[in-house]
Amino acid sequence: MEYAKAILPKVIFSKLLFRKELHKCMSWMKPDERVELKKWCLTQFRNDFPDVLEEAFQERLAGLPEAQR
């Protein structure tokens, strides 16, 4: 989570790079950490890349029980 908080704000200039780094961060995280990342990303980047966030978290959270989403 700390890596994501450090790197994602630094790649905000590029949608493609942001998407790549977000997916990379999520691939290393446990499911409960992904939920925390989703909340943080929505507060930080909702206005910048709403489509990227929706795509990434729908894809990754699809396998979680409803209570953890």
N, C-alpha and C. Protein backbone atom coordinates (compact mmCIF):
# COMPACT_ATOMS: atom_id res chain seq x y z
N MET A 1 0.83 -1.20 0.00
CA MET A 1 0.00 0.00 0.00
C MET A 1 0.87 1.26 0.00
N GLU A 2 1.94 1.22 0.76
CA GLU A 2 2.81 2.39 0.82
C GLU A 2 3.47 2.67 -0.54
N TYR A 3 3.82 1.61 -1.25
CA TYR A 3 4.39 1.79 -2.59
C TYR A 3 3.38 2.48 -3.50
N ALA A 4 2.14 2.04 -3.45
CA ALA A 4 1.09 2.63 -4.28
C ALA A 4 0.91 4.10 -3.95
N LYS A 5 0.91 4.42 -2.67
CA LYS A 5 0.74 5.81 -2.25
C LYS A 5 1.91 6.68 -2.67
N ALA A 6 3.07 6.06 -2.81
CA ALA A 6 4.25 6.82 -3.23
C ALA A 6 4.31 6.99 -4.75
N ILE A 7 3.98 5.92 -5.49
CA ILE A 7 4.21 5.94 -6.94
C ILE A 7 3.05 6.53 -7.73
N LEU A 8 1.82 6.23 -7.35
CA LEU A 8 0.68 6.67 -8.18
C LEU A 8 0.59 8.19 -8.34
N PRO A 9 0.80 8.97 -7.29
CA PRO A 9 0.77 10.43 -7.52
C PRO A 9 1.87 10.92 -8.46
N LYS A 10 2.95 10.18 -8.56
CA LYS A 10 4.06 10.59 -9.42
C LYS A 10 3.82 10.29 -10.90
N VAL A 11 2.86 9.41 -11.21
CA VAL A 11 2.60 9.05 -12.60
C VAL A 11 1.26 9.61 -13.10
N ILE A 12 0.74 10.57 -12.39
CA ILE A 12 -0.56 11.15 -12.73
C ILE A 12 -0.53 11.86 -14.11
N PHE A 13 0.64 12.17 -14.59
CA PHE A 13 0.77 12.86 -15.87
C PHE A 13 0.44 11.97 -17.07
N SER A 14 0.40 10.65 -16.87
CA SER A 14 0.17 9.72 -17.98
C SER A 14 -0.89 8.69 -17.61
N LYS A 15 -1.97 8.71 -18.33
CA LYS A 15 -3.05 7.75 -18.08
C LYS A 15 -2.56 6.31 -18.25
N LEU A 16 -1.80 6.06 -19.30
CA LEU A 16 -1.30 4.70 -19.55
C LEU A 16 -0.35 4.23 -18.44
N LEU A 17 0.53 5.09 -18.02
CA LEU A 17 1.46 4.73 -16.96
C LEU A 17 0.73 4.56 -15.63
N PHE A 18 -0.25 5.42 -15.37
CA PHE A 18 -1.05 5.29 -14.16
C PHE A 18 -1.75 3.93 -14.13
N ARG A 19 -2.36 3.56 -15.24
CA ARG A 19 -3.06 2.27 -15.33
C ARG A 19 -2.08 1.12 -15.09
N LYS A 20 -0.93 1.17 -15.72
CA LYS A 20 0.07 0.12 -15.57
C LYS A 20 0.53 -0.01 -14.11
N GLU A 21 0.84 1.10 -13.48
CA GLU A 21 1.32 1.07 -12.10
C GLU A 21 0.21 0.63 -11.13
N LEU A 22 -1.01 1.05 -11.39
CA LEU A 22 -2.13 0.63 -10.54
C LEU A 22 -2.31 -0.88 -10.62
N HIS A 23 -2.29 -1.42 -11.81
CA HIS A 23 -2.44 -2.87 -11.97
C HIS A 23 -1.27 -3.62 -11.31
N LYS A 24 -0.08 -3.06 -11.44
CA LYS A 24 1.08 -3.69 -10.81
C LYS A 24 0.93 -3.70 -9.29
N CYS A 25 0.54 -2.60 -8.74
CA CYS A 25 0.34 -2.53 -7.28
C CYS A 25 -0.72 -3.52 -6.84
N MET A 26 -1.80 -3.59 -7.55
CA MET A 26 -2.89 -4.48 -7.17
C MET A 26 -2.48 -5.94 -7.27
N SER A 27 -1.61 -6.26 -8.21
CA SER A 27 -1.20 -7.66 -8.37
C SER A 27 -0.39 -8.16 -7.18
N TRP A 28 0.24 -7.25 -6.45
CA TRP A 28 1.05 -7.62 -5.29
C TRP A 28 0.24 -7.66 -3.99
N MET A 29 -0.96 -7.11 -4.03
CA MET A 29 -1.72 -6.94 -2.80
C MET A 29 -2.66 -8.09 -2.50
N LYS A 30 -2.92 -8.25 -1.22
CA LYS A 30 -3.94 -9.19 -0.77
C LYS A 30 -5.31 -8.56 -1.02
N PRO A 31 -6.36 -9.36 -1.09
CA PRO A 31 -7.69 -8.81 -1.37
C PRO A 31 -8.13 -7.69 -0.42
N ASP A 32 -7.86 -7.83 0.87
CA ASP A 32 -8.28 -6.78 1.80
C ASP A 32 -7.48 -5.49 1.59
N GLU A 33 -6.23 -5.61 1.14
CA GLU A 33 -5.44 -4.43 0.84
C GLU A 33 -5.96 -3.72 -0.41
N ARG A 34 -6.49 -4.50 -1.35
CA ARG A 34 -7.06 -3.90 -2.57
C ARG A 34 -8.28 -3.05 -2.24
N VAL A 35 -9.06 -3.48 -1.26
CA VAL A 35 -10.22 -2.69 -0.84
C VAL A 35 -9.76 -1.35 -0.27
N GLU A 36 -8.72 -1.41 0.54
CA GLU A 36 -8.16 -0.18 1.11
C GLU A 36 -7.61 0.73 0.01
N LEU A 37 -6.92 0.12 -0.96
CA LEU A 37 -6.37 0.88 -2.09
C LEU A 37 -7.49 1.54 -2.89
N LYS A 38 -8.57 0.82 -3.11
CA LYS A 38 -9.70 1.38 -3.85
C LYS A 38 -10.22 2.64 -3.17
N LYS A 39 -10.42 2.58 -1.87
CA LYS A 39 -10.91 3.75 -1.13
C LYS A 39 -9.95 4.92 -1.26
N TRP A 40 -8.66 4.64 -1.11
CA TRP A 40 -7.67 5.70 -1.21
C TRP A 40 -7.63 6.29 -2.62
N CYS A 41 -7.62 5.43 -3.62
CA CYS A 41 -7.57 5.90 -5.01
C CYS A 41 -8.78 6.75 -5.37
N LEU A 42 -9.94 6.35 -4.90
CA LEU A 42 -11.15 7.12 -5.21
C LEU A 42 -11.08 8.52 -4.60
N THR A 43 -10.50 8.64 -3.42
CA THR A 43 -10.39 9.98 -2.82
C THR A 43 -9.32 10.81 -3.51
N GLN A 44 -8.28 10.17 -4.03
CA GLN A 44 -7.16 10.89 -4.63
C GLN A 44 -7.30 11.15 -6.13
N PHE A 45 -7.85 10.19 -6.87
CA PHE A 45 -7.79 10.25 -8.33
C PHE A 45 -9.14 10.15 -9.04
N ARG A 46 -10.22 10.23 -8.30
CA ARG A 46 -11.56 10.08 -8.89
C ARG A 46 -11.78 11.03 -10.06
N ASN A 47 -11.32 12.25 -9.96
CA ASN A 47 -11.54 13.23 -11.02
C ASN A 47 -10.55 13.10 -12.17
N ASP A 48 -9.41 12.49 -11.92
CA ASP A 48 -8.38 12.38 -12.96
C ASP A 48 -8.63 11.21 -13.91
N PHE A 49 -8.87 10.03 -13.33
CA PHE A 49 -9.00 8.81 -14.14
C PHE A 49 -10.15 7.94 -13.66
N PRO A 50 -11.37 8.43 -13.69
CA PRO A 50 -12.48 7.61 -13.19
C PRO A 50 -12.66 6.31 -13.97
N ASP A 51 -12.41 6.35 -15.27
CA ASP A 51 -12.56 5.15 -16.09
C ASP A 51 -11.50 4.09 -15.75
N VAL A 52 -10.28 4.53 -15.52
CA VAL A 52 -9.21 3.59 -15.17
C VAL A 52 -9.50 2.94 -13.82
N LEU A 53 -9.94 3.74 -12.86
CA LEU A 53 -10.24 3.21 -11.54
C LEU A 53 -11.40 2.22 -11.59
N GLU A 54 -12.44 2.58 -12.30
CA GLU A 54 -13.59 1.68 -12.40
C GLU A 54 -13.18 0.36 -13.04
N GLU A 55 -12.45 0.44 -14.12
CA GLU A 55 -12.00 -0.77 -14.82
C GLU A 55 -11.12 -1.63 -13.91
N ALA A 56 -10.15 -1.04 -13.28
CA ALA A 56 -9.20 -1.79 -12.45
C ALA A 56 -9.89 -2.46 -11.27
N PHE A 57 -10.75 -1.73 -10.59
CA PHE A 57 -11.34 -2.29 -9.38
C PHE A 57 -12.50 -3.22 -9.67
N GLN A 58 -13.20 -3.04 -10.76
CA GLN A 58 -14.24 -4.01 -11.13
C GLN A 58 -13.59 -5.34 -11.45
N GLU A 59 -12.51 -5.28 -12.18
CA GLU A 59 -11.79 -6.47 -12.60
C GLU A 59 -11.19 -7.21 -11.41
N ARG A 60 -10.53 -6.51 -10.53
CA ARG A 60 -9.82 -7.13 -9.42
C ARG A 60 -10.72 -7.51 -8.26
N LEU A 61 -11.79 -6.74 -8.05
CA LEU A 61 -12.65 -7.01 -6.91
C LEU A 61 -13.77 -8.00 -7.24
N ALA A 62 -13.88 -8.37 -8.49
CA ALA A 62 -14.96 -9.26 -8.91
C ALA A 62 -14.94 -10.59 -8.15
N GLY A 63 -13.77 -11.05 -7.77
CA GLY A 63 -13.66 -12.32 -7.07
C GLY A 63 -13.88 -12.24 -5.57
N LEU A 64 -14.04 -11.04 -5.03
CA LEU A 64 -14.24 -10.89 -3.59
C LEU A 64 -15.70 -11.05 -3.19
N PRO A 65 -15.94 -11.53 -1.99
CA PRO A 65 -17.31 -11.55 -1.48
C PRO A 65 -17.87 -10.13 -1.40
N GLU A 66 -19.15 -9.97 -1.58
CA GLU A 66 -19.79 -8.66 -1.60
C GLU A 66 -19.43 -7.81 -0.37
N ALA A 67 -19.35 -8.42 0.79
CA ALA A 67 -19.06 -7.70 2.03
C ALA A 67 -17.69 -7.04 2.02
N GLN A 68 -16.75 -7.53 1.22
CA GLN A 68 -15.40 -6.95 1.18
C GLN A 68 -15.23 -5.91 0.10
N ARG A 69 -16.18 -5.70 -0.76
CA ARG A 69 -16.03 -4.75 -1.87
C ARG A 69 -16.17 -3.35 -1.44
